[in-house]
């Protein structure tokens, strides 16, 4: 289990200057050829997302203005707060800040032929379903994960096991994603 606080994470600026990224986790660790990766990104200006051939992306608006994503003639979608949206990383997708203000987004990327991610919003105590990896990010409230207390802008990632996240207050929200491996692929084979 790896814990994080986005206020203390290193920031990487985008090559096109339109935003920045804080990487939460990458599996396998420290590789450009990841199977799955989670990050928090800030979009500061209109521009194109980087291309990631063979990758599915799930993006969730956390805060800031709405963002409209457009891929030539295939789709136009406006990100709404806390509503995950999936799109192919090998398509040229343009992001437009609809209200002209910066946005902050939660991102999960998975290698399409290896694994897939499902991103959900939780507002009550739950136990994760899978046992092969995942990540949580607290939007609001206080949550207990093992012996650790997590509050807004904090979270955790893991590569195995089932985990219970207990909401300690009357209200709270967190984003969580579990990784499902495709038949014939196993995370154990790459550790």
Protein backbone atom coordinates (compact mmCIF):
# COMPACT_ATOMS: atom_id res chain seq x y z
CA UNK A 1 0.00 0.00 0.00
CA UNK A 2 1.37 3.42 -0.98
CA UNK A 3 -0.20 6.58 0.49
CA UNK A 4 -0.07 10.03 -1.08
CA UNK A 5 -1.05 13.67 -0.56
CA UNK A 6 -1.24 15.67 -3.80
CA UNK A 7 -0.10 18.82 -1.98
CA UNK A 8 3.28 17.13 -1.37
CA UNK A 9 3.78 15.41 -4.75
CA UNK A 10 6.25 16.53 -7.43
CA UNK A 11 4.72 18.37 -10.40
CA UNK A 12 5.64 17.66 -14.04
CA UNK A 13 4.79 20.33 -16.60
CA UNK A 14 3.27 19.24 -19.92
CA UNK A 15 5.40 19.62 -23.05
CA UNK A 16 2.73 21.86 -24.65
CA UNK A 17 2.58 24.10 -21.56
CA UNK A 18 -1.20 23.65 -21.19
CA UNK A 19 -1.09 21.85 -17.85
CA UNK A 20 0.77 19.80 -15.26
CA UNK A 21 0.64 16.27 -13.85
CA UNK A 22 1.24 14.67 -10.47
CA UNK A 23 1.82 10.93 -10.91
CA UNK A 24 0.15 8.85 -8.19
CA UNK A 25 1.38 5.42 -9.25
CA UNK A 26 2.62 3.45 -12.22
CA UNK A 27 2.65 -0.33 -12.64
CA UNK A 28 5.16 -1.75 -13.22
CA UNK A 29 6.92 1.00 -11.26
CA UNK A 30 9.32 3.45 -12.91
CA UNK A 31 8.62 2.49 -16.51
CA UNK A 32 7.34 4.36 -19.56
CA UNK A 33 5.76 1.13 -20.84
CA UNK A 34 3.22 0.93 -18.01
CA UNK A 35 0.33 -1.53 -17.68
CA UNK A 36 -1.64 1.03 -15.68
CA UNK A 37 -1.01 4.49 -14.34
CA UNK A 38 -2.90 6.95 -12.13
CA UNK A 39 -2.35 10.70 -11.89
CA UNK A 40 -3.87 14.05 -11.02
CA UNK A 41 -3.62 16.66 -13.77
CA UNK A 42 -4.35 20.36 -13.92
CA UNK A 43 -5.46 21.75 -17.28
CA UNK A 44 -4.52 25.44 -17.46
CA UNK A 45 -5.13 26.20 -21.15
CA UNK A 46 -6.83 24.81 -24.24
CA UNK A 47 -4.77 22.16 -26.04
CA UNK A 48 -4.34 18.55 -27.12
CA UNK A 49 -3.78 15.59 -24.83
CA UNK A 50 -0.59 13.58 -25.40
CA UNK A 51 -1.06 10.48 -27.54
CA UNK A 52 -0.83 7.08 -25.82
CA UNK A 53 -1.24 4.35 -28.46
CA UNK A 54 -3.01 1.21 -27.19
CA UNK A 55 -4.15 2.95 -23.99
CA UNK A 56 -7.65 3.57 -22.58
CA UNK A 57 -8.02 6.73 -20.53
CA UNK A 58 -10.59 7.49 -17.83
CA UNK A 59 -10.73 11.16 -16.79
CA UNK A 60 -12.80 12.62 -13.95
CA UNK A 61 -13.20 16.35 -13.31
CA UNK A 62 -12.42 17.02 -9.63
CA UNK A 63 -12.66 20.80 -9.45
CA UNK A 64 -12.55 23.96 -11.52
CA UNK A 65 -14.40 24.84 -14.70
CA UNK A 66 -15.99 22.34 -17.04
CA UNK A 67 -13.80 20.95 -19.83
CA UNK A 68 -15.05 20.02 -23.29
CA UNK A 69 -13.19 17.16 -24.97
CA UNK A 70 -13.38 16.81 -28.73
CA UNK A 71 -11.99 14.16 -31.07
CA UNK A 72 -12.46 15.33 -34.71
CA UNK A 73 -15.73 13.79 -35.91
CA UNK A 74 -16.01 11.00 -33.33
CA UNK A 75 -17.18 12.71 -30.12
CA UNK A 76 -17.64 15.92 -28.19
CA UNK A 77 -18.08 15.51 -24.44
CA UNK A 78 -18.22 18.04 -21.59
CA UNK A 79 -16.69 16.78 -18.36
CA UNK A 80 -18.96 17.29 -15.37
CA UNK A 81 -17.64 17.18 -11.80
CA UNK A 82 -17.16 13.65 -10.40
CA UNK A 83 -18.48 11.90 -13.56
CA UNK A 84 -15.80 9.60 -15.09
CA UNK A 85 -15.43 9.59 -18.88
CA UNK A 86 -13.52 6.98 -20.92
CA UNK A 87 -11.80 7.57 -24.27
CA UNK A 88 -9.03 6.06 -26.41
CA UNK A 89 -5.54 7.44 -25.74
CA UNK A 90 -4.49 6.90 -29.36
CA UNK A 91 -6.96 9.51 -30.66
CA UNK A 92 -6.15 13.20 -31.00
CA UNK A 93 -8.35 14.72 -28.29
CA UNK A 94 -8.53 18.47 -27.77
CA UNK A 95 -9.46 19.95 -24.41
CA UNK A 96 -11.21 23.31 -24.16
CA UNK A 97 -11.78 25.07 -20.86
CA UNK A 98 -15.41 26.10 -21.23
CA UNK A 99 -15.38 28.68 -18.44
CA UNK A 100 -11.81 29.82 -19.01
CA UNK A 101 -10.65 28.63 -15.61
CA UNK A 102 -8.18 25.89 -14.74
CA UNK A 103 -9.51 22.42 -13.94
CA UNK A 104 -8.11 19.55 -11.87
CA UNK A 105 -8.70 15.99 -13.09
CA UNK A 106 -8.18 12.43 -11.84
CA UNK A 107 -6.77 10.18 -14.59
CA UNK A 108 -6.38 6.43 -14.98
CA UNK A 109 -4.62 4.99 -18.02
CA UNK A 110 -4.56 1.26 -18.83
CA UNK A 111 -2.90 -0.74 -21.59
CA UNK A 112 -5.94 -1.94 -23.57
CA UNK A 113 -4.57 -5.46 -24.23
CA UNK A 114 -3.41 -6.01 -20.61
CA UNK A 115 -5.96 -4.56 -18.18
CA UNK A 116 -8.87 -2.18 -17.76
CA UNK A 117 -10.01 0.27 -15.09
CA UNK A 118 -13.43 1.10 -13.74
CA UNK A 119 -13.66 4.44 -11.92
CA UNK A 120 -16.50 5.04 -9.45
CA UNK A 121 -17.52 7.62 -6.87
CA UNK A 122 -18.25 6.31 -3.34
CA UNK A 123 -20.14 8.11 -0.59
CA UNK A 124 -20.29 5.36 2.06
CA UNK A 125 -18.16 2.59 3.57
CA UNK A 126 -17.27 -0.19 1.12
CA UNK A 127 -14.80 -3.01 0.46
CA UNK A 128 -12.98 -3.19 -2.86
CA UNK A 129 -14.05 -6.04 -5.14
CA UNK A 130 -10.86 -7.09 -6.88
CA UNK A 131 -7.53 -8.13 -5.59
CA UNK A 132 -5.23 -7.01 -8.41
CA UNK A 133 -4.62 -3.32 -7.89
CA UNK A 134 -6.36 -0.02 -7.49
CA UNK A 135 -6.27 3.54 -6.31
CA UNK A 136 -8.47 5.82 -4.17
CA UNK A 137 -8.55 9.61 -3.95
CA UNK A 138 -10.51 11.45 -1.23
CA UNK A 139 -12.70 14.31 -2.48
CA UNK A 140 -14.26 15.12 0.90
CA UNK A 141 -14.77 13.68 4.38
CA UNK A 142 -12.55 11.50 6.54
CA UNK A 143 -11.94 7.87 5.53
CA UNK A 144 -10.19 5.03 7.34
CA UNK A 145 -8.03 2.68 5.22
CA UNK A 146 -6.28 0.11 7.39
CA UNK A 147 -4.59 2.08 10.16
CA UNK A 148 -4.41 5.28 8.08
CA UNK A 149 -6.78 8.28 8.15
CA UNK A 150 -7.30 9.87 4.72
CA UNK A 151 -8.84 13.33 4.15
CA UNK A 152 -9.35 15.62 1.13
CA UNK A 153 -6.55 15.50 -1.49
CA UNK A 154 -5.09 12.31 0.00
CA UNK A 155 -5.32 8.73 -1.18
CA UNK A 156 -3.62 5.40 -1.65
CA UNK A 157 -2.71 2.88 -4.32
CA UNK A 158 -2.10 -0.86 -4.10
CA UNK A 159 -1.15 -3.78 -6.30
CA UNK A 160 -3.03 -6.58 -4.56
CA UNK A 161 -5.52 -7.46 -1.82
CA UNK A 162 -9.03 -6.41 -0.84
CA UNK A 163 -9.38 -3.24 1.20
CA UNK A 164 -12.16 -1.65 3.26
CA UNK A 165 -12.61 2.12 3.17
CA UNK A 166 -14.66 3.29 6.12
CA UNK A 167 -16.36 6.70 6.02
CA UNK A 168 -15.88 8.28 9.47
CA UNK A 169 -18.23 11.23 9.03
CA UNK A 170 -21.87 11.64 8.01
CA UNK A 171 -20.86 12.70 4.49
CA UNK A 172 -17.87 12.20 2.26
CA UNK A 173 -16.87 11.32 -1.28
CA UNK A 174 -13.96 9.55 -2.85
CA UNK A 175 -13.00 8.30 -6.29
CA UNK A 176 -11.78 4.77 -6.58
CA UNK A 177 -10.60 2.59 -9.38
CA UNK A 178 -9.90 -1.10 -9.46
CA UNK A 179 -7.79 -2.75 -12.13
CA UNK A 180 -9.12 -5.83 -13.90
CA UNK A 181 -6.57 -7.92 -15.78
CA UNK A 182 -7.41 -9.37 -19.19
CA UNK A 183 -7.39 -13.17 -19.60
CA UNK A 184 -3.87 -14.48 -19.99
CA UNK A 185 -2.31 -11.53 -18.16
CA UNK A 186 -1.29 -11.47 -14.54
CA UNK A 187 0.33 -8.70 -12.51
CA UNK A 188 2.39 -11.39 -10.76
CA UNK A 189 4.24 -12.06 -14.00
CA UNK A 190 5.69 -8.53 -14.10
CA UNK A 191 6.71 -8.09 -10.46
